[in-house]
């Protein structure tokens, strides 16, 4: 949580002086048709090729991004794709149309990697809209630097090596994007944000694995952040979705440049949808935001929270031992300076002797059918609360061992309440199992079903 967000706007403008820019509802985001060309990308290709077959593949994703038109698909084959300058590895600036999205995805059976030390692995800006990005691994520069190096760069906020983001949607300078789907990506080890969405609308962030981000930046980043949502129309239904993500070990080790303190490193944050900061003139975001079926653990800040934001529903998530940073005590899942927020059917497994949740300057924030454990400091209990060990199959901060499914004796089973969002996301669990399986919804990201009927990981 913070009082004022310091952004990269000035530094984006600085970069542009150095490098030229290369040239509805959830059903609307998932049922579009693809009728355009298919372009292929392979490290063994050549950007002078036509890109229209595997044998004539482009060498870079950026080349494909410079020629796409509505309805086109870019299939990216195995290999490692790097940045050629300090701005980005891929900059998407060309838009699709409502019935002809532009899709960037892994070639079937492949797992291409974007490995970068730039400001962004993938940057979507210039108002690029109706875009899908799916199936990539995006790795930043954190493994190549140390905490000591990052500390030495606190007075050098123009350094992308210690501040770069993995995937950014940024509408602050060149035009705002809408209808973007970011799904099934593995996003990690970026010194800045994992997935950063700024001043955009109709964005879905679904089934991504986001970890080890935000460690070294001076900008107080998080794993997944929606900042200053923008109303592109008058629709007041759900338009922003953060769903089915596995988010862990994102943390802020470098003080925020604006205050000199540790404030963030959250798993998921819905931040300033009221648009009060940095002289924004966008006004209050009037659409709803749905945060459902996410598993967050071991993050430095909160597991999930809404700050300076309204019309947010946080439903059926599992948050385990977040608040790892000594400076952060706000809790696992909560809202502060917010209104019209519903926090329902969540498991909040607190860091020992820290708050389970918090409640500051809120109005109309409803807690219902949540499970609390591991700390007596429950600021808001809400109705039908369960205070008990959720009895996970194998709770752990080690992602290789962690299994947050429910044992058969868990008090979370059948202890939730039905929540109808009008979307598919509240009808299924983290693994796609239909809710409910028993007499009522289970609390947390998982419905209890037979072990042989489900897989364990977020990206199955």
Protein backbone atom coordinates (compact mmCIF):
# COMPACT_ATOMS: atom_id res chain seq x y z
CA UNK A 1 0.00 0.00 0.00
CA UNK A 2 1.29 3.49 -0.77
CA UNK A 3 0.16 7.09 -0.68
CA UNK A 4 1.50 8.11 -4.06
CA UNK A 5 2.77 5.93 -6.89
CA UNK A 6 5.98 7.08 -8.60
CA UNK A 7 5.93 5.95 -12.23
CA UNK A 8 8.35 5.43 -15.08
CA UNK A 9 6.69 8.07 -17.25
CA UNK A 10 9.69 10.41 -17.39
CA UNK A 11 12.03 7.57 -18.10
CA UNK A 12 9.84 6.18 -20.87
CA UNK A 13 9.94 9.60 -22.47
CA UNK A 14 13.72 9.69 -22.02
CA UNK A 15 14.05 6.34 -23.73
CA UNK A 16 11.92 7.40 -26.68
CA UNK A 17 14.42 10.19 -27.38
CA UNK A 18 17.09 7.55 -27.83
CA UNK A 19 15.29 4.75 -29.65
CA UNK A 20 12.58 4.96 -32.33
CA UNK A 21 9.40 3.04 -31.72
CA UNK A 22 9.02 -0.06 -33.89
CA UNK A 23 6.51 -0.09 -36.01
CA UNK A 24 -16.94 -6.47 -23.25
CA UNK A 25 -17.10 -9.01 -21.29
CA UNK A 26 -15.13 -12.21 -20.85
CA UNK A 27 -17.05 -14.01 -23.59
CA UNK A 28 -16.06 -11.30 -26.02
CA UNK A 29 -12.45 -11.93 -25.09
CA UNK A 30 -12.51 -15.66 -25.70
CA UNK A 31 -14.83 -16.27 -28.64
CA UNK A 32 -13.23 -14.19 -31.39
CA UNK A 33 -12.29 -15.75 -34.71
CA UNK A 34 -8.90 -15.76 -36.40
CA UNK A 35 -9.13 -15.20 -40.14
CA UNK A 36 -5.81 -13.54 -40.97
CA UNK A 37 -2.31 -14.68 -41.79
CA UNK A 38 -0.13 -16.94 -39.70
CA UNK A 39 3.44 -15.78 -39.13
CA UNK A 40 6.20 -18.02 -37.81
CA UNK A 41 9.19 -17.03 -35.69
CA UNK A 42 12.30 -19.10 -34.98
CA UNK A 43 15.82 -18.20 -33.83
CA UNK A 44 17.06 -20.00 -36.96
CA UNK A 45 14.91 -17.77 -39.18
CA UNK A 46 15.72 -14.47 -40.83
CA UNK A 47 13.88 -11.18 -40.62
CA UNK A 48 14.24 -10.79 -44.40
CA UNK A 49 12.03 -13.87 -44.86
CA UNK A 50 8.31 -13.68 -45.50
CA UNK A 51 7.53 -15.29 -42.15
CA UNK A 52 4.55 -17.14 -43.63
CA UNK A 53 5.85 -20.69 -43.17
CA UNK A 54 8.15 -22.59 -40.84
CA UNK A 55 10.79 -22.69 -43.57
CA UNK A 56 10.60 -18.93 -44.08
CA UNK A 57 10.26 -17.92 -40.42
CA UNK A 58 11.26 -14.55 -39.05
CA UNK A 59 14.14 -14.50 -36.57
CA UNK A 60 12.56 -12.06 -34.12
CA UNK A 61 9.13 -11.63 -32.59
CA UNK A 62 9.56 -7.89 -33.12
CA UNK A 63 9.65 -8.36 -36.88
CA UNK A 64 6.35 -10.20 -36.75
CA UNK A 65 4.90 -7.47 -34.50
CA UNK A 66 5.78 -4.86 -37.12
CA UNK A 67 3.69 -6.50 -39.88
CA UNK A 68 0.65 -7.97 -38.12
CA UNK A 69 -2.87 -6.94 -39.07
CA UNK A 70 -6.25 -7.77 -37.48
CA UNK A 71 -6.88 -11.51 -37.34
CA UNK A 72 -3.21 -12.49 -37.67
CA UNK A 73 -1.50 -15.10 -35.49
CA UNK A 74 2.20 -15.17 -34.60
CA UNK A 75 3.48 -18.66 -33.75
CA UNK A 76 6.78 -18.56 -31.88
CA UNK A 77 8.99 -21.65 -31.88
CA UNK A 78 11.48 -22.91 -29.31
CA UNK A 79 14.51 -20.79 -28.57
CA UNK A 80 15.61 -17.77 -26.58
CA UNK A 81 14.70 -14.30 -27.81
CA UNK A 82 16.60 -11.33 -26.39
CA UNK A 83 16.39 -7.57 -26.57
CA UNK A 84 18.56 -5.64 -29.02
CA UNK A 85 18.46 -2.39 -27.01
CA UNK A 86 17.48 -1.19 -23.54
CA UNK A 87 13.81 -0.59 -24.31
CA UNK A 88 12.22 -3.96 -24.88
CA UNK A 89 12.54 -7.37 -26.43
CA UNK A 90 9.09 -7.04 -28.05
CA UNK A 91 7.00 -3.89 -28.50
CA UNK A 92 3.41 -4.50 -29.64
CA UNK A 93 1.84 -1.37 -31.13
CA UNK A 94 -0.51 -2.70 -33.83
CA UNK A 95 -4.14 -3.50 -32.99
CA UNK A 96 -6.60 -6.19 -33.89
CA UNK A 97 -10.35 -5.67 -34.12
CA UNK A 98 -13.29 -6.98 -32.04
CA UNK A 99 -13.76 -10.07 -34.23
CA UNK A 100 -10.17 -10.29 -35.40
CA UNK A 101 -7.72 -10.28 -32.51
CA UNK A 102 -3.97 -10.45 -33.06
CA UNK A 103 -2.53 -13.47 -31.25
CA UNK A 104 1.05 -14.07 -30.14
CA UNK A 105 1.48 -17.59 -28.85
CA UNK A 106 3.85 -20.50 -28.57
CA UNK A 107 3.93 -22.86 -31.51
CA UNK A 108 2.07 -26.03 -30.43
CA UNK A 109 4.26 -28.09 -28.11
CA UNK A 110 6.92 -25.37 -27.84
CA UNK A 111 7.97 -23.16 -24.92
CA UNK A 112 9.78 -20.11 -26.32
CA UNK A 113 11.67 -17.90 -23.88
CA UNK A 114 12.07 -14.13 -23.91
CA UNK A 115 15.17 -13.38 -21.84
CA UNK A 116 15.95 -9.71 -21.46
CA UNK A 117 17.80 -7.01 -19.53
CA UNK A 118 15.69 -4.17 -20.91
CA UNK A 119 12.90 -2.03 -19.45
CA UNK A 120 10.35 -4.55 -20.72
CA UNK A 121 10.32 -8.11 -21.97
CA UNK A 122 7.04 -7.43 -23.75
CA UNK A 123 5.61 -3.90 -23.92
CA UNK A 124 2.08 -3.29 -25.23
CA UNK A 125 1.47 0.41 -25.82
CA UNK A 126 0.46 2.97 -28.47
CA UNK A 127 -3.12 1.92 -27.75
CA UNK A 128 -2.63 -1.59 -29.15
CA UNK A 129 -5.87 -3.45 -28.48
CA UNK A 130 -7.51 -6.83 -29.13
CA UNK A 131 -4.23 -8.61 -28.39
CA UNK A 132 -3.55 -12.08 -26.95
CA UNK A 133 -0.20 -13.20 -25.53
CA UNK A 134 0.03 -16.84 -24.48
CA UNK A 135 2.50 -19.60 -23.77
CA UNK A 136 5.76 -17.67 -23.29
CA UNK A 137 8.42 -17.81 -20.63
CA UNK A 138 9.63 -14.31 -19.86
CA UNK A 139 12.76 -14.04 -17.74
CA UNK A 140 14.31 -10.81 -16.56
CA UNK A 141 17.75 -9.80 -15.38
CA UNK A 142 17.61 -10.47 -11.64
CA UNK A 143 19.81 -13.56 -11.77
CA UNK A 144 22.59 -11.46 -13.30
CA UNK A 145 22.74 -8.85 -10.54
CA UNK A 146 23.01 -8.87 -6.76
CA UNK A 147 21.24 -7.03 -3.97
CA UNK A 148 24.45 -5.07 -3.40
CA UNK A 149 24.44 -3.95 -7.04
CA UNK A 150 20.79 -2.91 -6.82
CA UNK A 151 21.50 -0.95 -3.66
CA UNK A 152 24.31 0.85 -5.45
CA UNK A 153 21.84 1.86 -8.19
CA UNK A 154 19.21 3.50 -5.97
CA UNK A 155 20.32 6.92 -7.21
CA UNK A 156 20.28 5.73 -10.83
CA UNK A 157 16.58 5.09 -11.57
CA UNK A 158 17.24 5.13 -15.32
CA UNK A 159 19.04 1.78 -15.14
CA UNK A 160 16.95 -0.97 -16.80
CA UNK A 161 19.27 -3.66 -15.43
CA UNK A 162 17.85 -3.13 -11.94
CA UNK A 163 14.35 -1.90 -12.84
CA UNK A 164 13.10 -3.82 -15.88
CA UNK A 165 9.61 -5.36 -16.05
CA UNK A 166 8.62 -8.69 -17.56
CA UNK A 167 5.34 -7.78 -19.30
CA UNK A 168 3.88 -4.27 -19.37
CA UNK A 169 0.68 -2.76 -20.74
CA UNK A 170 1.21 0.99 -20.47
CA UNK A 171 -1.33 3.60 -21.54
CA UNK A 172 0.19 6.70 -19.98
CA UNK A 173 1.96 8.27 -22.93
CA UNK A 174 1.02 7.06 -26.40
CA UNK A 175 -2.58 5.84 -26.16
CA UNK A 176 -4.48 3.44 -23.92
CA UNK A 177 -5.00 -0.21 -24.71
CA UNK A 178 -8.12 -2.32 -24.21
CA UNK A 179 -9.16 -5.93 -24.75
CA UNK A 180 -5.89 -7.64 -23.88
CA UNK A 181 -5.58 -11.29 -22.81
CA UNK A 182 -2.40 -12.43 -21.05
CA UNK A 183 -2.58 -16.16 -20.37
CA UNK A 184 -0.52 -19.26 -19.57
CA UNK A 185 2.84 -17.50 -19.38
CA UNK A 186 5.72 -18.18 -17.01
CA UNK A 187 6.99 -14.81 -15.82
CA UNK A 188 9.92 -14.52 -13.46
CA UNK A 189 13.10 -12.90 -12.23
CA UNK A 190 12.39 -9.40 -13.44
CA UNK A 191 13.91 -6.72 -11.21
CA UNK A 192 10.71 -4.70 -11.64
CA UNK A 193 7.13 -5.82 -12.14
CA UNK A 194 6.04 -9.27 -13.25
CA UNK A 195 2.84 -8.22 -15.06
CA UNK A 196 2.11 -4.49 -14.96
CA UNK A 197 -1.16 -3.10 -16.37
CA UNK A 198 -1.37 0.71 -16.37
CA UNK A 199 -4.31 2.79 -17.61
CA UNK A 200 -5.98 0.06 -19.64
CA UNK A 201 -9.43 -1.54 -19.91
CA UNK A 202 -10.85 -5.01 -20.59
CA UNK A 203 -7.72 -6.89 -19.52
CA UNK A 204 -7.63 -10.56 -18.55
CA UNK A 205 -4.60 -11.98 -16.71
CA UNK A 206 -5.27 -15.71 -16.50
CA UNK A 207 -3.34 -18.89 -15.62
CA UNK A 208 0.10 -17.32 -15.43
CA UNK A 209 2.89 -18.37 -13.09
CA UNK A 210 4.50 -15.20 -11.72
CA UNK A 211 7.44 -15.41 -9.33
CA UNK A 212 10.73 -13.88 -8.13
CA UNK A 213 9.87 -10.40 -9.44
CA UNK A 214 10.10 -6.86 -7.99
CA UNK A 215 13.21 -7.54 -5.88
CA UNK A 216 15.59 -4.86 -7.09
CA UNK A 217 13.61 -1.95 -8.54
CA UNK A 218 13.27 1.47 -6.92
CA UNK A 219 9.65 1.71 -8.12
CA UNK A 220 7.87 -0.46 -5.53
CA UNK A 221 6.61 -3.12 -7.94
CA UNK A 222 4.60 -6.31 -7.42
CA UNK A 223 3.95 -9.66 -9.07
CA UNK A 224 0.70 -8.64 -10.80
CA UNK A 225 -0.52 -5.06 -10.61
CA UNK A 226 -3.47 -3.22 -12.14
CA UNK A 227 -2.79 0.49 -11.78
CA UNK A 228 -5.23 3.29 -12.61
CA UNK A 229 -7.77 1.27 -14.58
CA UNK A 230 -9.31 3.32 -17.40
CA UNK A 231 -12.98 3.39 -18.41
CA UNK A 232 -13.01 3.07 -22.19
CA UNK A 233 -16.82 2.94 -22.16
CA UNK A 234 -19.77 3.18 -19.77
CA UNK A 235 -20.02 -0.54 -19.03
CA UNK A 236 -20.20 -1.14 -15.27
CA UNK A 237 -19.97 -4.95 -15.45
CA UNK A 238 -16.81 -7.00 -15.03
CA UNK A 239 -14.06 -5.83 -17.37
CA UNK A 240 -10.79 -6.52 -15.54
CA UNK A 241 -9.94 -10.11 -14.57
CA UNK A 242 -7.07 -11.59 -12.54
CA UNK A 243 -7.83 -15.30 -12.48
CA UNK A 244 -6.23 -18.68 -11.80
CA UNK A 245 -2.70 -17.35 -11.39
CA UNK A 246 0.09 -18.87 -9.29
CA UNK A 247 1.96 -15.95 -7.72
CA UNK A 248 4.84 -16.38 -5.29
CA UNK A 249 8.10 -14.98 -3.95
CA UNK A 250 7.63 -11.52 -5.42
CA UNK A 251 9.18 -9.08 -2.99
CA UNK A 252 10.58 -5.56 -2.64
CA UNK A 253 14.11 -5.41 -1.24
CA UNK A 254 14.98 -1.89 -2.44
CA UNK A 255 13.15 1.06 -0.82
CA UNK A 256 10.61 2.89 -2.95
CA UNK A 257 12.30 5.94 -4.40
CA UNK A 258 9.41 8.22 -3.43
CA UNK A 259 9.47 7.46 0.31
CA UNK A 260 12.65 5.55 1.06
CA UNK A 261 10.60 2.69 2.55
CA UNK A 262 9.52 -0.84 1.72
CA UNK A 263 5.83 -0.65 0.71
CA UNK A 264 4.99 -3.30 -1.89
CA UNK A 265 6.25 -6.55 -3.38
CA UNK A 266 2.68 -7.83 -3.32
CA UNK A 267 1.38 -10.90 -5.05
CA UNK A 268 -1.58 -9.10 -6.65
CA UNK A 269 -2.57 -5.44 -6.18
CA UNK A 270 -5.49 -3.46 -7.59
CA UNK A 271 -4.05 0.03 -7.23
CA UNK A 272 -5.66 3.48 -7.55
CA UNK A 273 -8.57 2.71 -9.84
CA UNK A 274 -9.87 6.03 -8.52
CA UNK A 275 -7.09 7.71 -10.53
CA UNK A 276 -6.04 10.06 -7.76
CA UNK A 277 -2.28 9.93 -8.29
CA UNK A 278 0.27 11.48 -10.63
CA UNK A 279 -2.17 14.13 -11.87
CA UNK A 280 -4.37 11.56 -13.59
CA UNK A 281 -7.49 13.03 -15.20
CA UNK A 282 -9.12 9.68 -16.02
CA UNK A 283 -11.62 9.76 -13.17
CA UNK A 284 -12.95 6.86 -11.13
CA UNK A 285 -12.97 3.52 -12.94
CA UNK A 286 -16.60 2.43 -13.22
CA UNK A 287 -16.16 -1.17 -14.36
CA UNK A 288 -15.79 -4.10 -11.95
CA UNK A 289 -12.61 -6.04 -11.31
CA UNK A 290 -12.74 -9.77 -10.53
CA UNK A 291 -9.87 -11.46 -8.68
CA UNK A 292 -10.68 -15.16 -8.39
CA UNK A 293 -9.03 -18.58 -7.98
CA UNK A 294 -5.49 -17.27 -7.48
CA UNK A 295 -2.90 -18.96 -5.27
CA UNK A 296 -0.46 -16.50 -3.69
CA UNK A 297 2.25 -17.46 -1.23
CA UNK A 298 5.55 -16.22 0.14
CA UNK A 299 5.27 -12.73 -1.31
CA UNK A 300 6.89 -9.86 0.55
CA UNK A 301 3.75 -7.71 0.63
CA UNK A 302 0.15 -8.81 0.62
CA UNK A 303 -1.17 -11.86 -1.13
CA UNK A 304 -3.95 -9.77 -2.70
CA UNK A 305 -5.25 -6.31 -1.89
CA UNK A 306 -7.15 -3.36 -3.30
CA UNK A 307 -5.92 0.16 -2.54
CA UNK A 308 -7.60 3.41 -3.55
CA UNK A 309 -9.92 1.28 -5.65
CA UNK A 310 -13.62 0.53 -5.95
CA UNK A 311 -15.89 -2.15 -7.46
CA UNK A 312 -13.53 -5.06 -6.78
CA UNK A 313 -14.52 -8.66 -5.99
CA UNK A 314 -11.87 -10.93 -4.42
CA UNK A 315 -13.36 -14.42 -4.49
CA UNK A 316 -12.10 -17.97 -3.73
CA UNK A 317 -8.39 -17.23 -3.48
CA UNK A 318 -5.76 -18.92 -1.32
CA UNK A 319 -3.16 -16.73 0.39
CA UNK A 320 -0.42 -18.40 2.45
CA UNK A 321 2.37 -16.78 4.47
CA UNK A 322 2.61 -13.56 2.50
CA UNK A 323 3.90 -10.45 4.36
CA UNK A 324 7.40 -11.93 4.28
CA UNK A 325 8.96 -8.45 4.36
CA UNK A 326 9.55 -7.40 8.00
CA UNK A 327 8.25 -3.91 7.20
CA UNK A 328 4.86 -5.12 5.93
CA UNK A 329 2.15 -6.25 8.34
CA UNK A 330 -1.13 -5.44 6.55
CA UNK A 331 -2.30 -9.00 6.05
CA UNK A 332 -2.96 -11.65 3.44
CA UNK A 333 -6.07 -10.35 1.63
CA UNK A 334 -7.69 -6.98 2.35
CA UNK A 335 -8.82 -3.59 1.04
CA UNK A 336 -7.67 -0.18 2.22
CA UNK A 337 -9.05 3.22 1.17
CA UNK A 338 -11.59 1.37 -0.93
CA UNK A 339 -15.33 0.96 -1.40
CA UNK A 340 -17.73 -1.54 -2.97
CA UNK A 341 -15.32 -4.42 -2.40
CA UNK A 342 -16.44 -8.01 -1.69
CA UNK A 343 -13.95 -10.43 -0.12
CA UNK A 344 -15.63 -13.84 -0.15
CA UNK A 345 -14.61 -17.53 0.18
CA UNK A 346 -10.90 -16.87 0.64
CA UNK A 347 -8.30 -18.66 2.76
CA UNK A 348 -6.09 -16.21 4.68
CA UNK A 349 -3.21 -18.12 6.29
CA UNK A 350 -1.33 -15.39 8.13
CA UNK A 351 2.35 -14.80 8.70
CA UNK A 352 2.90 -15.55 12.42
CA UNK A 353 2.15 -12.61 14.72
CA UNK A 354 1.11 -10.36 11.86
CA UNK A 355 -2.37 -9.24 10.88
CA UNK A 356 -4.60 -11.60 8.95
CA UNK A 357 -6.24 -8.61 7.28
CA UNK A 358 -6.59 -4.86 7.75
CA UNK A 359 -9.27 -2.24 7.40
CA UNK A 360 -8.39 1.40 6.87
CA UNK A 361 -10.56 4.20 5.49
CA UNK A 362 -13.00 1.80 3.81
CA UNK A 363 -16.71 1.98 3.05
CA UNK A 364 -18.92 -0.89 1.96
CA UNK A 365 -16.16 -3.52 2.12
CA UNK A 366 -17.80 -6.89 2.81
CA UNK A 367 -16.06 -9.99 4.20
CA UNK A 368 -18.07 -13.20 3.95
CA UNK A 369 -17.33 -16.94 4.39
CA UNK A 370 -13.56 -16.55 4.66
CA UNK A 371 -11.22 -18.86 6.57
CA UNK A 372 -8.57 -17.34 8.88
CA UNK A 373 -5.61 -19.11 10.48
CA UNK A 374 -2.20 -18.75 12.12
CA UNK A 375 -2.66 -15.38 13.83
CA UNK A 376 -5.12 -13.94 16.37
CA UNK A 377 -4.94 -10.50 14.74
CA UNK A 378 -8.09 -10.56 12.63
CA UNK A 379 -9.11 -6.95 12.01
CA UNK A 380 -12.31 -7.82 10.15
CA UNK A 381 -14.04 -11.16 10.71
CA UNK A 382 -17.13 -10.76 8.53
CA UNK A 383 -20.09 -13.11 8.40
CA UNK A 384 -19.88 -16.93 8.47
CA UNK A 385 -16.16 -16.87 9.14
CA UNK A 386 -14.17 -20.04 9.85
CA UNK A 387 -11.18 -19.75 12.19
CA UNK A 388 -9.29 -23.00 11.82
CA UNK A 389 -6.41 -24.78 10.13
CA UNK A 390 -7.44 -25.21 6.46
CA UNK A 391 -5.53 -28.51 6.34
CA UNK A 392 -3.75 -28.13 3.04
CA UNK A 393 -2.32 -31.28 1.48
CA UNK A 394 1.24 -29.93 1.80
CA UNK A 395 1.67 -26.27 2.70
CA UNK A 396 5.14 -25.03 1.83
CA UNK A 397 7.01 -21.97 0.60
CA UNK A 398 8.94 -24.23 -1.76
CA UNK A 399 7.02 -24.18 -5.07
CA UNK A 400 8.28 -27.67 -5.87
CA UNK A 401 6.65 -29.02 -2.71
CA UNK A 402 3.69 -26.72 -2.16
CA UNK A 403 0.24 -28.26 -2.58
CA UNK A 404 -2.64 -26.10 -1.40
CA UNK A 405 -5.42 -28.53 -2.20
CA UNK A 406 -7.67 -29.44 0.72
CA UNK A 407 -7.43 -32.63 2.73
CA UNK A 408 -10.66 -34.55 3.15
CA UNK A 409 -10.98 -33.26 6.74
CA UNK A 410 -10.51 -29.59 5.86
CA UNK A 411 -13.03 -27.19 7.48
CA UNK A 412 -12.98 -25.21 4.22
CA UNK A 413 -14.96 -27.93 2.42
CA UNK A 414 -18.60 -26.90 1.79
CA UNK A 415 -18.08 -23.79 3.97
CA UNK A 416 -18.28 -21.22 1.18
CA UNK A 417 -21.18 -19.35 -0.34
CA UNK A 418 -22.30 -19.38 -3.97
CA UNK A 419 -21.05 -16.35 -5.86
CA UNK A 420 -22.52 -15.63 -9.28
CA UNK A 421 -20.38 -13.22 -11.25
CA UNK A 422 -22.04 -14.02 -14.55
CA UNK A 423 -18.68 -15.27 -15.83
CA UNK A 424 -17.16 -18.73 -16.07
CA UNK A 425 -14.47 -17.91 -13.52
CA UNK A 426 -16.66 -18.27 -10.44
CA UNK A 427 -18.19 -21.50 -11.75
CA UNK A 428 -14.88 -23.36 -11.70
CA UNK A 429 -11.89 -23.66 -9.39
CA UNK A 430 -8.19 -23.01 -9.91
CA UNK A 431 -7.82 -26.25 -11.85
CA UNK A 432 -11.00 -25.96 -13.89
CA UNK A 433 -13.14 -28.23 -11.72
CA UNK A 434 -16.80 -27.25 -11.61
CA UNK A 435 -18.03 -25.55 -8.42
CA UNK A 436 -19.59 -26.81 -6.23
CA UNK A 437 -18.62 -30.47 -5.99
CA UNK A 438 -20.40 -31.03 -2.68
CA UNK A 439 -23.23 -29.36 -0.81
CA UNK A 440 -21.72 -25.87 -1.18
CA UNK A 441 -18.69 -24.03 -2.50
CA UNK A 442 -15.40 -24.85 -0.81
CA UNK A 443 -13.41 -21.94 0.59
CA UNK A 444 -10.16 -21.17 -1.22
CA UNK A 445 -8.90 -21.64 -4.76
CA UNK A 446 -9.57 -25.40 -4.87
CA UNK A 447 -12.72 -27.50 -4.81
CA UNK A 448 -12.09 -30.83 -3.11
CA UNK A 449 -12.27 -33.67 -5.66
CA UNK A 450 -10.56 -37.03 -5.99
CA UNK A 451 -6.80 -36.64 -6.44
CA UNK A 452 -6.86 -38.75 -9.61
CA UNK A 453 -9.20 -36.22 -11.22
CA UNK A 454 -6.99 -33.17 -11.00
CA UNK A 455 -3.50 -31.86 -11.63
CA UNK A 456 -1.52 -29.86 -9.11
CA UNK A 457 0.04 -27.02 -11.04
CA UNK A 458 -1.56 -23.80 -12.22
CA UNK A 459 -0.64 -24.37 -15.84
CA UNK A 460 -1.90 -27.84 -16.68
